[in-house]
């Protein structure tokens, strides 16, 4: 498994995972799917604030994504969210 900084080219996969989590869990406080434009703005805002957005992938399995997006209220703490593509494990 390789952990690396996410790039804009990773956003379609991150979007798929994020919307799947919205649809099938209570881990994210959202009820409606978001758009690629929303994730692009989110990604660029995180980068502008020097927050990491990471992806992990394994060439021998489905692509796995790891998202890290702290919020202002959590500065100075460790706040990580991980989401995997369904059935990737």
Protein backbone atom coordinates (compact mmCIF):
# COMPACT_ATOMS: atom_id res chain seq x y z
CA UNK A 1 0.00 0.00 0.00
CA UNK A 2 1.28 3.43 -0.92
CA UNK A 3 0.31 6.56 1.01
CA UNK A 4 0.72 9.82 -0.87
CA UNK A 5 -0.59 13.35 -1.15
CA UNK A 6 -3.81 13.49 -3.10
CA UNK A 7 -3.97 15.38 -6.35
CA UNK A 8 -6.91 16.83 -8.21
CA UNK A 9 -6.86 13.69 -10.37
CA UNK A 10 -7.90 11.70 -7.25
CA UNK A 11 -11.04 13.74 -6.65
CA UNK A 12 -13.45 11.56 -8.68
CA UNK A 13 -12.53 8.56 -6.49
CA UNK A 14 -12.69 10.62 -3.31
CA UNK A 15 -16.09 11.94 -4.42
CA UNK A 16 -17.41 8.41 -5.00
CA UNK A 17 -16.31 7.31 -1.54
CA UNK A 18 -17.57 10.47 0.17
CA UNK A 19 -21.01 10.17 -1.42
CA UNK A 20 -21.19 6.46 -0.56
CA UNK A 21 -20.49 7.32 3.08
CA UNK A 22 -23.21 9.99 3.01
CA UNK A 23 -25.69 7.50 1.55
CA UNK A 24 -24.88 4.55 3.81
CA UNK A 25 -23.61 5.78 7.16
CA UNK A 26 -23.86 8.48 9.79
CA UNK A 27 -20.12 9.23 9.79
CA UNK A 28 -20.57 12.50 7.89
CA UNK A 29 -23.09 15.11 8.92
CA UNK A 30 -24.59 15.48 5.47
CA UNK A 31 -27.69 14.03 3.89
CA UNK A 32 -27.31 14.91 0.21
CA UNK A 33 -24.58 13.84 -2.20
CA UNK A 34 -22.04 16.47 -3.14
CA UNK A 35 -20.72 17.39 -6.58
CA UNK A 36 -17.25 17.20 -8.04
CA UNK A 37 -17.18 21.00 -7.95
CA UNK A 38 -17.86 20.85 -4.19
CA UNK A 39 -14.98 18.42 -3.64
CA UNK A 40 -12.67 20.54 -5.80
CA UNK A 41 -13.44 23.61 -3.67
CA UNK A 42 -12.97 21.52 -0.51
CA UNK A 43 -9.64 20.19 -1.78
CA UNK A 44 -8.31 23.58 -2.78
CA UNK A 45 -9.38 25.11 0.56
CA UNK A 46 -7.56 22.36 2.47
CA UNK A 47 -4.42 22.89 0.41
CA UNK A 48 -4.60 26.68 0.87
CA UNK A 49 -4.63 26.11 4.66
CA UNK A 50 -1.73 23.63 4.41
CA UNK A 51 -3.90 20.71 5.58
CA UNK A 52 -3.01 17.35 4.08
CA UNK A 53 -5.37 15.31 1.96
CA UNK A 54 -3.94 11.83 1.57
CA UNK A 55 -4.79 8.81 -0.51
CA UNK A 56 -3.64 5.26 -0.04
CA UNK A 57 -3.72 2.82 -2.90
CA UNK A 58 -2.78 -0.75 -3.46
CA UNK A 59 -2.13 -1.74 -7.06
CA UNK A 60 -3.19 -5.33 -6.36
CA UNK A 61 -6.62 -4.39 -4.97
CA UNK A 62 -9.29 -1.78 -5.48
CA UNK A 63 -8.06 1.75 -4.99
CA UNK A 64 -8.35 2.78 -1.35
CA UNK A 65 -8.63 6.39 -0.32
CA UNK A 66 -7.72 7.91 3.01
CA UNK A 67 -9.00 11.38 3.70
CA UNK A 68 -7.61 13.73 6.27
CA UNK A 69 -9.38 17.02 6.69
CA UNK A 70 -9.11 18.78 10.04
CA UNK A 71 -11.52 21.50 10.93
CA UNK A 72 -10.71 24.80 12.57
CA UNK A 73 -12.21 23.62 15.87
CA UNK A 74 -9.77 20.71 15.96
CA UNK A 75 -6.50 22.58 15.39
CA UNK A 76 -3.91 21.23 17.78
CA UNK A 77 -5.61 17.83 17.90
CA UNK A 78 -5.50 14.80 15.68
CA UNK A 79 -8.67 14.40 13.61
CA UNK A 80 -8.52 11.79 10.88
CA UNK A 81 -11.28 10.30 8.82
CA UNK A 82 -10.77 7.22 6.76
CA UNK A 83 -13.12 5.91 4.14
CA UNK A 84 -12.58 2.90 1.92
CA UNK A 85 -14.32 1.98 -1.28
CA UNK A 86 -17.06 -0.53 -0.53
CA UNK A 87 -15.88 -4.12 -0.58
CA UNK A 88 -12.25 -3.09 -1.00
CA UNK A 89 -11.11 -5.06 2.04
